């Protein structure tokens, strides 16, 4: 696996395990977690390359691409039950 793809997959794993616990559990239960990480890493790298080809510098290209597939919005946590 390309080193950059591996780095992006690690970034996705860390973010998803922390901020997307339900998505992570569903993918792990289905045996698809690591395949999904690889896929989003490949897609993200393709987007980064696309932005660079359009004239963006590497940092800006990453800033634009990472939220599309890797740095997804955190899941809404259920509020704690109200105790009477």
PDB file of N, CA and C in Angstrom:
ATOM      1  N   UNK A   1       0.857  -1.180   0.000  1.00  0.00           N
ATOM      2  CA  UNK A   1       0.000   0.000   0.000  1.00  0.00           C
ATOM      3  C   UNK A   1       0.900   1.239   0.000  1.00  0.00           C
ATOM      4  N   UNK A   2       0.571   2.193  -0.827  1.00  0.00           N
ATOM      5  CA  UNK A   2       1.289   3.456  -0.900  1.00  0.00           C
ATOM      6  C   UNK A   2       1.323   4.100   0.486  1.00  0.00           C
ATOM      7  N   UNK A   3       2.462   4.691   0.845  1.00  0.00           N
ATOM      8  CA  UNK A   3       2.613   5.268   2.179  1.00  0.00           C
ATOM      9  C   UNK A   3       1.581   6.365   2.447  1.00  0.00           C
ATOM     10  N   UNK A   4       1.315   7.197   1.455  1.00  0.00           N
ATOM     11  CA  UNK A   4       0.352   8.288   1.655  1.00  0.00           C
ATOM     12  C   UNK A   4      -1.056   7.737   1.875  1.00  0.00           C
ATOM     13  N   UNK A   5      -1.418   6.696   1.141  1.00  0.00           N
ATOM     14  CA  UNK A   5      -2.727   6.059   1.328  1.00  0.00           C
ATOM     15  C   UNK A   5      -2.807   5.483   2.738  1.00  0.00           C
ATOM     16  N   UNK A   6      -1.728   4.854   3.177  1.00  0.00           N
ATOM     17  CA  UNK A   6      -1.692   4.284   4.525  1.00  0.00           C
ATOM     18  C   UNK A   6      -1.855   5.383   5.580  1.00  0.00           C
ATOM     19  N   UNK A   7      -1.187   6.513   5.396  1.00  0.00           N
ATOM     20  CA  UNK A   7      -1.311   7.628   6.343  1.00  0.00           C
ATOM     21  C   UNK A   7      -2.746   8.155   6.395  1.00  0.00           C
ATOM     22  N   UNK A   8      -3.367   8.268   5.244  1.00  0.00           N
ATOM     23  CA  UNK A   8      -4.759   8.736   5.203  1.00  0.00           C
ATOM     24  C   UNK A   8      -5.701   7.730   5.857  1.00  0.00           C
ATOM     25  N   UNK A   9      -5.455   6.435   5.650  1.00  0.00           N
ATOM     26  CA  UNK A   9      -6.283   5.396   6.277  1.00  0.00           C
ATOM     27  C   UNK A   9      -6.148   5.452   7.797  1.00  0.00           C
ATOM     28  N   UNK A  10      -4.947   5.691   8.287  1.00  0.00           N
ATOM     29  CA  UNK A  10      -4.730   5.811   9.736  1.00  0.00           C
ATOM     30  C   UNK A  10      -5.470   7.033  10.272  1.00  0.00           C
ATOM     31  N   UNK A  11      -5.389   8.135   9.555  1.00  0.00           N
ATOM     32  CA  UNK A  11      -6.105   9.353   9.968  1.00  0.00           C
ATOM     33  C   UNK A  11      -7.612   9.082  10.033  1.00  0.00           C
ATOM     34  N   UNK A  12      -8.128   8.372   9.036  1.00  0.00           N
ATOM     35  CA  UNK A  12      -9.554   8.029   9.022  1.00  0.00           C
ATOM     36  C   UNK A  12      -9.900   7.133  10.204  1.00  0.00           C
ATOM     37  N   UNK A  13      -9.086   6.106  10.449  1.00  0.00           N
ATOM     38  CA  UNK A  13      -9.355   5.183  11.566  1.00  0.00           C
ATOM     39  C   UNK A  13      -9.408   5.938  12.886  1.00  0.00           C
ATOM     40  N   UNK A  14      -8.417   6.787  13.119  1.00  0.00           N
ATOM     41  CA  UNK A  14      -8.371   7.534  14.378  1.00  0.00           C
ATOM     42  C   UNK A  14      -9.588   8.451  14.528  1.00  0.00           C
ATOM     43  N   UNK A  15      -9.933   9.140  13.464  1.00  0.00           N
ATOM     44  CA  UNK A  15     -11.079  10.062  13.525  1.00  0.00           C
ATOM     45  C   UNK A  15     -12.385   9.297  13.707  1.00  0.00           C
ATOM     46  N   UNK A  16     -12.569   8.248  12.908  1.00  0.00           N
ATOM     47  CA  UNK A  16     -13.827   7.499  12.963  1.00  0.00           C
ATOM     48  C   UNK A  16     -14.013   6.814  14.311  1.00  0.00           C
ATOM     49  N   UNK A  17     -12.944   6.213  14.846  1.00  0.00           N
ATOM     50  CA  UNK A  17     -13.090   5.525  16.136  1.00  0.00           C
ATOM     51  C   UNK A  17     -13.445   6.510  17.244  1.00  0.00           C
ATOM     52  N   UNK A  18     -12.928   7.723  17.160  1.00  0.00           N
ATOM     53  CA  UNK A  18     -13.211   8.720  18.190  1.00  0.00           C
ATOM     54  C   UNK A  18     -14.572   9.391  17.992  1.00  0.00           C
ATOM     55  N   UNK A  19     -14.895   9.801  16.757  1.00  0.00           N
ATOM     56  CA  UNK A  19     -16.051  10.646  16.512  1.00  0.00           C
ATOM     57  C   UNK A  19     -17.226   9.949  15.842  1.00  0.00           C
ATOM     58  N   UNK A  20     -17.003   8.748  15.307  1.00  0.00           N
ATOM     59  CA  UNK A  20     -18.073   8.021  14.612  1.00  0.00           C
ATOM     60  C   UNK A  20     -18.180   6.594  15.157  1.00  0.00           C
ATOM     61  N   UNK A  21     -18.460   6.445  16.446  1.00  0.00           N
ATOM     62  CA  UNK A  21     -18.456   5.101  17.033  1.00  0.00           C
ATOM     63  C   UNK A  21     -19.513   4.166  16.446  1.00  0.00           C
ATOM     64  N   UNK A  22     -20.684   4.690  16.107  1.00  0.00           N
ATOM     65  CA  UNK A  22     -21.717   3.818  15.526  1.00  0.00           C
ATOM     66  C   UNK A  22     -21.314   3.344  14.132  1.00  0.00           C
ATOM     67  N   UNK A  23     -20.839   4.264  13.314  1.00  0.00           N
ATOM     68  CA  UNK A  23     -20.382   3.902  11.964  1.00  0.00           C
ATOM     69  C   UNK A  23     -19.243   2.883  12.062  1.00  0.00           C
ATOM     70  N   UNK A  24     -18.307   3.127  12.976  1.00  0.00           N
ATOM     71  CA  UNK A  24     -17.176   2.220  13.166  1.00  0.00           C
ATOM     72  C   UNK A  24     -17.670   0.836  13.560  1.00  0.00           C
ATOM     73  N   UNK A  25     -18.584   0.772  14.521  1.00  0.00           N
ATOM     74  CA  UNK A  25     -19.106  -0.522  14.972  1.00  0.00           C
ATOM     75  C   UNK A  25     -19.826  -1.247  13.841  1.00  0.00           C
ATOM     76  N   UNK A  26     -20.657  -0.526  13.097  1.00  0.00           N
ATOM     77  CA  UNK A  26     -21.388  -1.151  11.985  1.00  0.00           C
ATOM     78  C   UNK A  26     -20.428  -1.734  10.949  1.00  0.00           C
ATOM     79  N   UNK A  27     -19.414  -0.973  10.593  1.00  0.00           N
ATOM     80  CA  UNK A  27     -18.446  -1.453   9.601  1.00  0.00           C
ATOM     81  C   UNK A  27     -17.639  -2.632  10.137  1.00  0.00           C
ATOM     82  N   UNK A  28     -17.234  -2.559  11.406  1.00  0.00           N
ATOM     83  CA  UNK A  28     -16.481  -3.673  12.002  1.00  0.00           C
ATOM     84  C   UNK A  28     -17.350  -4.920  12.086  1.00  0.00           C
ATOM     85  N   UNK A  29     -18.603  -4.755  12.512  1.00  0.00           N
ATOM     86  CA  UNK A  29     -19.515  -5.901  12.612  1.00  0.00           C
ATOM     87  C   UNK A  29     -19.731  -6.563  11.256  1.00  0.00           C
ATOM     88  N   UNK A  30     -19.714  -5.761  10.197  1.00  0.00           N
ATOM     89  CA  UNK A  30     -19.909  -6.284   8.841  1.00  0.00           C
ATOM     90  C   UNK A  30     -18.600  -6.773   8.216  1.00  0.00           C
ATOM     91  N   UNK A  31     -17.494  -6.622   8.957  1.00  0.00           N
ATOM     92  CA  UNK A  31     -16.197  -7.040   8.433  1.00  0.00           C
ATOM     93  C   UNK A  31     -15.689  -6.141   7.314  1.00  0.00           C
ATOM     94  N   UNK A  32     -16.151  -4.891   7.293  1.00  0.00           N
ATOM     95  CA  UNK A  32     -15.806  -3.983   6.200  1.00  0.00           C
ATOM     96  C   UNK A  32     -15.024  -2.747   6.644  1.00  0.00           C
ATOM     97  N   UNK A  33     -14.644  -2.692   7.898  1.00  0.00           N
ATOM     98  CA  UNK A  33     -14.012  -1.485   8.432  1.00  0.00           C
ATOM     99  C   UNK A  33     -12.715  -1.147   7.706  1.00  0.00           C
ATOM    100  N   UNK A  34     -11.805  -2.098   7.611  1.00  0.00           N
ATOM    101  CA  UNK A  34     -10.497  -1.815   7.020  1.00  0.00           C
ATOM    102  C   UNK A  34     -10.591  -1.593   5.516  1.00  0.00           C
ATOM    103  N   UNK A  35     -11.510  -2.266   4.857  1.00  0.00           N
ATOM    104  CA  UNK A  35     -11.728  -2.019   3.426  1.00  0.00           C
ATOM    105  C   UNK A  35     -12.260  -0.603   3.224  1.00  0.00           C
ATOM    106  N   UNK A  36     -13.171  -0.176   4.091  1.00  0.00           N
ATOM    107  CA  UNK A  36     -13.726   1.177   3.988  1.00  0.00           C
ATOM    108  C   UNK A  36     -12.642   2.225   4.210  1.00  0.00           C
ATOM    109  N   UNK A  37     -11.756   1.982   5.170  1.00  0.00           N
ATOM    110  CA  UNK A  37     -10.661   2.920   5.417  1.00  0.00           C
ATOM    111  C   UNK A  37      -9.780   3.057   4.181  1.00  0.00           C
ATOM    112  N   UNK A  38      -9.479   1.932   3.553  1.00  0.00           N
ATOM    113  CA  UNK A  38      -8.642   1.960   2.352  1.00  0.00           C
ATOM    114  C   UNK A  38      -9.346   2.725   1.224  1.00  0.00           C
ATOM    115  N   UNK A  39     -10.615   2.461   1.043  1.00  0.00           N
ATOM    116  CA  UNK A  39     -11.370   3.122  -0.027  1.00  0.00           C
ATOM    117  C   UNK A  39     -11.409   4.632   0.180  1.00  0.00           C
ATOM    118  N   UNK A  40     -11.713   5.083   1.390  1.00  0.00           N
ATOM    119  CA  UNK A  40     -11.781   6.532   1.609  1.00  0.00           C
ATOM    120  C   UNK A  40     -10.404   7.173   1.493  1.00  0.00           C
ATOM    121  N   UNK A  41      -9.363   6.440   1.849  1.00  0.00           N
ATOM    122  CA  UNK A  41      -8.007   6.967   1.690  1.00  0.00           C
ATOM    123  C   UNK A  41      -7.676   7.157   0.207  1.00  0.00           C
ATOM    124  N   UNK A  42      -8.032   6.180  -0.612  1.00  0.00           N
ATOM    125  CA  UNK A  42      -7.793   6.280  -2.059  1.00  0.00           C
ATOM    126  C   UNK A  42      -8.605   7.433  -2.656  1.00  0.00           C
ATOM    127  N   UNK A  43      -9.875   7.524  -2.300  1.00  0.00           N
ATOM    128  CA  UNK A  43     -10.725   8.613  -2.805  1.00  0.00           C
ATOM    129  C   UNK A  43     -10.172   9.977  -2.383  1.00  0.00           C
ATOM    130  N   UNK A  44      -9.753  10.070  -1.126  1.00  0.00           N
ATOM    131  CA  UNK A  44      -9.230  11.337  -0.622  1.00  0.00           C
ATOM    132  C   UNK A  44      -7.958  11.730  -1.359  1.00  0.00           C
ATOM    133  N   UNK A  45      -7.061  10.776  -1.568  1.00  0.00           N
ATOM    134  CA  UNK A  45      -5.828  11.087  -2.289  1.00  0.00           C
ATOM    135  C   UNK A  45      -6.132  11.529  -3.719  1.00  0.00           C
ATOM    136  N   UNK A  46      -7.111  10.902  -4.343  1.00  0.00           N
ATOM    137  CA  UNK A  46      -7.503  11.303  -5.701  1.00  0.00           C
ATOM    138  C   UNK A  46      -8.022  12.742  -5.703  1.00  0.00           C
ATOM    139  N   UNK A  47      -8.806  13.103  -4.692  1.00  0.00           N
ATOM    140  CA  UNK A  47      -9.324  14.468  -4.587  1.00  0.00           C
ATOM    141  C   UNK A  47      -8.189  15.461  -4.338  1.00  0.00           C
ATOM    142  N   UNK A  48      -7.247  15.087  -3.466  1.00  0.00           N
ATOM    143  CA  UNK A  48      -6.090  15.951  -3.210  1.00  0.00           C
ATOM    144  C   UNK A  48      -5.342  16.200  -4.522  1.00  0.00           C
ATOM    145  N   UNK A  49      -5.087  15.131  -5.260  1.00  0.00           N
ATOM    146  CA  UNK A  49      -4.395  15.253  -6.549  1.00  0.00           C
ATOM    147  C   UNK A  49      -5.181  16.143  -7.513  1.00  0.00           C
ATOM    148  N   UNK A  50      -6.496  15.991  -7.506  1.00  0.00           N
ATOM    149  CA  UNK A  50      -7.359  16.806  -8.372  1.00  0.00           C
ATOM    150  C   UNK A  50      -7.253  18.290  -8.014  1.00  0.00           C
ATOM    151  N   UNK A  51      -7.294  18.600  -6.717  1.00  0.00           N
ATOM    152  CA  UNK A  51      -7.181  19.993  -6.287  1.00  0.00           C
ATOM    153  C   UNK A  51      -5.804  20.567  -6.623  1.00  0.00           C
ATOM    154  N   UNK A  52      -4.757  19.774  -6.452  1.00  0.00           N
ATOM    155  CA  UNK A  52      -3.408  20.230  -6.795  1.00  0.00           C
ATOM    156  C   UNK A  52      -3.320  20.513  -8.294  1.00  0.00           C
ATOM    157  N   UNK A  53      -3.919  19.649  -9.098  1.00  0.00           N
ATOM    158  CA  UNK A  53      -3.918  19.849 -10.555  1.00  0.00           C
ATOM    159  C   UNK A  53      -4.652  21.134 -10.945  1.00  0.00           C
ATOM    160  N   UNK A  54      -5.594  21.550 -10.103  1.00  0.00           N
ATOM    161  CA  UNK A  54      -6.335  22.793 -10.365  1.00  0.00           C
ATOM    162  C   UNK A  54      -5.588  24.028  -9.858  1.00  0.00           C
ATOM    163  N   UNK A  55      -4.411  23.812  -9.248  1.00  0.00           N
ATOM    164  CA  UNK A  55      -3.594  24.937  -8.819  1.00  0.00           C
ATOM    165  C   UNK A  55      -3.523  25.186  -7.326  1.00  0.00           C
ATOM    166  N   UNK A  56      -4.216  24.390  -6.529  1.00  0.00           N
ATOM    167  CA  UNK A  56      -4.137  24.559  -5.077  1.00  0.00           C
ATOM    168  C   UNK A  56      -2.813  23.995  -4.564  1.00  0.00           C
ATOM    169  N   UNK A  57      -2.273  24.606  -3.500  1.00  0.00           N
ATOM    170  CA  UNK A  57      -1.084  24.005  -2.899  1.00  0.00           C
ATOM    171  C   UNK A  57      -1.512  22.777  -2.095  1.00  0.00           C
ATOM    172  N   UNK A  58      -0.530  21.958  -1.707  1.00  0.00           N
ATOM    173  CA  UNK A  58      -0.818  20.676  -1.048  1.00  0.00           C
ATOM    174  C   UNK A  58      -1.650  20.871   0.225  1.00  0.00           C
ATOM    175  N   UNK A  59      -1.275  21.847   1.028  1.00  0.00           N
ATOM    176  CA  UNK A  59      -1.982  22.074   2.295  1.00  0.00           C
ATOM    177  C   UNK A  59      -3.454  22.417   2.056  1.00  0.00           C
ATOM    178  N   UNK A  60      -3.710  23.326   1.125  1.00  0.00           N
ATOM    179  CA  UNK A  60      -5.094  23.725   0.840  1.00  0.00           C
ATOM    180  C   UNK A  60      -5.867  22.561   0.223  1.00  0.00           C
ATOM    181  N   UNK A  61      -5.207  21.790  -0.640  1.00  0.00           N
ATOM    182  CA  UNK A  61      -5.851  20.628  -1.258  1.00  0.00           C
ATOM    183  C   UNK A  61      -6.281  19.627  -0.190  1.00  0.00           C
ATOM    184  N   UNK A  62      -5.417  19.386   0.794  1.00  0.00           N
ATOM    185  CA  UNK A  62      -5.768  18.475   1.894  1.00  0.00           C
ATOM    186  C   UNK A  62      -6.904  19.055   2.728  1.00  0.00           C
ATOM    187  N   UNK A  63      -6.835  20.347   2.988  1.00  0.00           N
ATOM    188  CA  UNK A  63      -7.875  21.013   3.779  1.00  0.00           C
ATOM    189  C   UNK A  63      -9.251  20.864   3.126  1.00  0.00           C
ATOM    190  N   UNK A  64      -9.281  20.903   1.804  1.00  0.00           N
ATOM    191  CA  UNK A  64     -10.541  20.755   1.076  1.00  0.00           C
ATOM    192  C   UNK A  64     -10.985  19.299   0.961  1.00  0.00           C
ATOM    193  N   UNK A  65     -10.041  18.385   0.810  1.00  0.00           N
ATOM    194  CA  UNK A  65     -10.371  16.984   0.535  1.00  0.00           C
ATOM    195  C   UNK A  65     -10.679  16.162   1.786  1.00  0.00           C
ATOM    196  N   UNK A  66      -9.966  16.391   2.866  1.00  0.00           N
ATOM    197  CA  UNK A  66     -10.137  15.542   4.057  1.00  0.00           C
ATOM    198  C   UNK A  66     -11.571  15.505   4.594  1.00  0.00           C
ATOM    199  N   UNK A  67     -12.281  16.623   4.662  1.00  0.00           N
ATOM    200  CA  UNK A  67     -13.656  16.553   5.181  1.00  0.00           C
ATOM    201  C   UNK A  67     -14.637  15.802   4.280  1.00  0.00           C
ATOM    202  N   UNK A  68     -14.271  15.576   3.031  1.00  0.00           N
ATOM    203  CA  UNK A  68     -15.189  14.895   2.115  1.00  0.00           C
ATOM    204  C   UNK A  68     -15.381  13.424   2.463  1.00  0.00           C
ATOM    205  N   UNK A  69     -14.311  12.761   2.885  1.00  0.00           N
ATOM    206  CA  UNK A  69     -14.372  11.312   3.109  1.00  0.00           C
ATOM    207  C   UNK A  69     -13.808  10.866   4.461  1.00  0.00           C
ATOM    208  N   UNK A  70     -12.899  11.633   5.035  1.00  0.00           N
ATOM    209  CA  UNK A  70     -12.188  11.165   6.231  1.00  0.00           C
ATOM    210  C   UNK A  70     -12.633  11.900   7.490  1.00  0.00           C
ATOM    211  N   UNK A  71     -12.505  13.199   7.504  1.00  0.00           N
ATOM    212  CA  UNK A  71     -12.849  13.977   8.701  1.00  0.00           C
ATOM    213  C   UNK A  71     -14.331  14.337   8.676  1.00  0.00           C
ATOM    214  N   UNK A  72     -15.142  13.300   8.770  1.00  0.00           N
ATOM    215  CA  UNK A  72     -16.594  13.464   8.726  1.00  0.00           C
ATOM    216  C   UNK A  72     -17.093  14.099  10.016  1.00  0.00           C
ATOM    217  N   UNK A  73     -18.251  14.729   9.923  1.00  0.00           N
ATOM    218  CA  UNK A  73     -18.867  15.350  11.100  1.00  0.00           C
ATOM    219  C   UNK A  73     -19.095  14.294  12.181  1.00  0.00           C
ATOM    220  N   UNK A  74     -18.852  14.645  13.443  1.00  0.00           N
ATOM    221  CA  UNK A  74     -19.104  13.696  14.525  1.00  0.00           C
ATOM    222  C   UNK A  74     -20.569  13.275  14.572  1.00  0.00           C
ATOM    223  N   UNK A  75     -20.777  12.044  15.011  1.00  0.00           N
ATOM    224  CA  UNK A  75     -22.142  11.556  15.199  1.00  0.00           C
ATOM    225  C   UNK A  75     -22.774  12.304  16.359  1.00  0.00           C
ATOM    226  N   UNK A  76     -24.064  12.502  16.270  1.00  0.00           N
ATOM    227  CA  UNK A  76     -24.792  13.144  17.362  1.00  0.00           C
ATOM    228  C   UNK A  76     -24.915  12.125  18.487  1.00  0.00           C
ATOM    229  N   UNK A  77     -24.447  12.517  19.631  1.00  0.00           N
ATOM    230  CA  UNK A  77     -24.525  11.631  20.785  1.00  0.00           C
ATOM    231  C   UNK A  77     -25.917  11.721  21.394  1.00  0.00           C
ATOM    232  N   UNK A  78     -26.422  10.602  21.810  1.00  0.00           N
ATOM    233  CA  UNK A  78     -27.721  10.591  22.486  1.00  0.00           C
ATOM    234  C   UNK A  78     -27.572  11.294  23.826  1.00  0.00           C
ATOM    235  N   UNK A  79     -28.529  12.137  24.171  1.00  0.00           N
ATOM    236  CA  UNK A  79     -28.441  12.795  25.478  1.00  0.00           C
ATOM    237  C   UNK A  79     -28.632  11.770  26.589  1.00  0.00           C
ATOM    238  N   UNK A  80     -28.039  12.029  27.731  1.00  0.00           N
ATOM    239  CA  UNK A  80     -28.224  11.087  28.840  1.00  0.00           C
ATOM    240  C   UNK A  80     -29.684  11.064  29.271  1.00  0.00           C
ATOM    241  N   UNK A  81     -30.140   9.936  29.773  1.00  0.00           N
ATOM    242  CA  UNK A  81     -31.538   9.858  30.217  1.00  0.00           C
ATOM    243  C   UNK A  81     -31.786  10.826  31.369  1.00  0.00           C
ATOM    244  N   UNK A  82     -32.982  11.348  31.392  1.00  0.00           N
ATOM    245  CA  UNK A  82     -33.362  12.267  32.467  1.00  0.00           C
ATOM    246  C   UNK A  82     -33.823  11.430  33.653  1.00  0.00           C
ATOM    247  N   UNK A  83     -33.183  11.674  34.772  1.00  0.00           N
ATOM    248  CA  UNK A  83     -33.536  10.937  35.990  1.00  0.00           C
ATOM    249  C   UNK A  83     -34.455  11.808  36.840  1.00  0.00           C
ATOM    250  N   UNK A  84     -35.513  11.200  37.319  1.00  0.00           N
ATOM    251  CA  UNK A  84     -36.476  11.944  38.151  1.00  0.00           C
ATOM    252  C   UNK A  84     -36.270  11.615  39.592  1.00  0.00           C
TER     253      UNK A  84
END
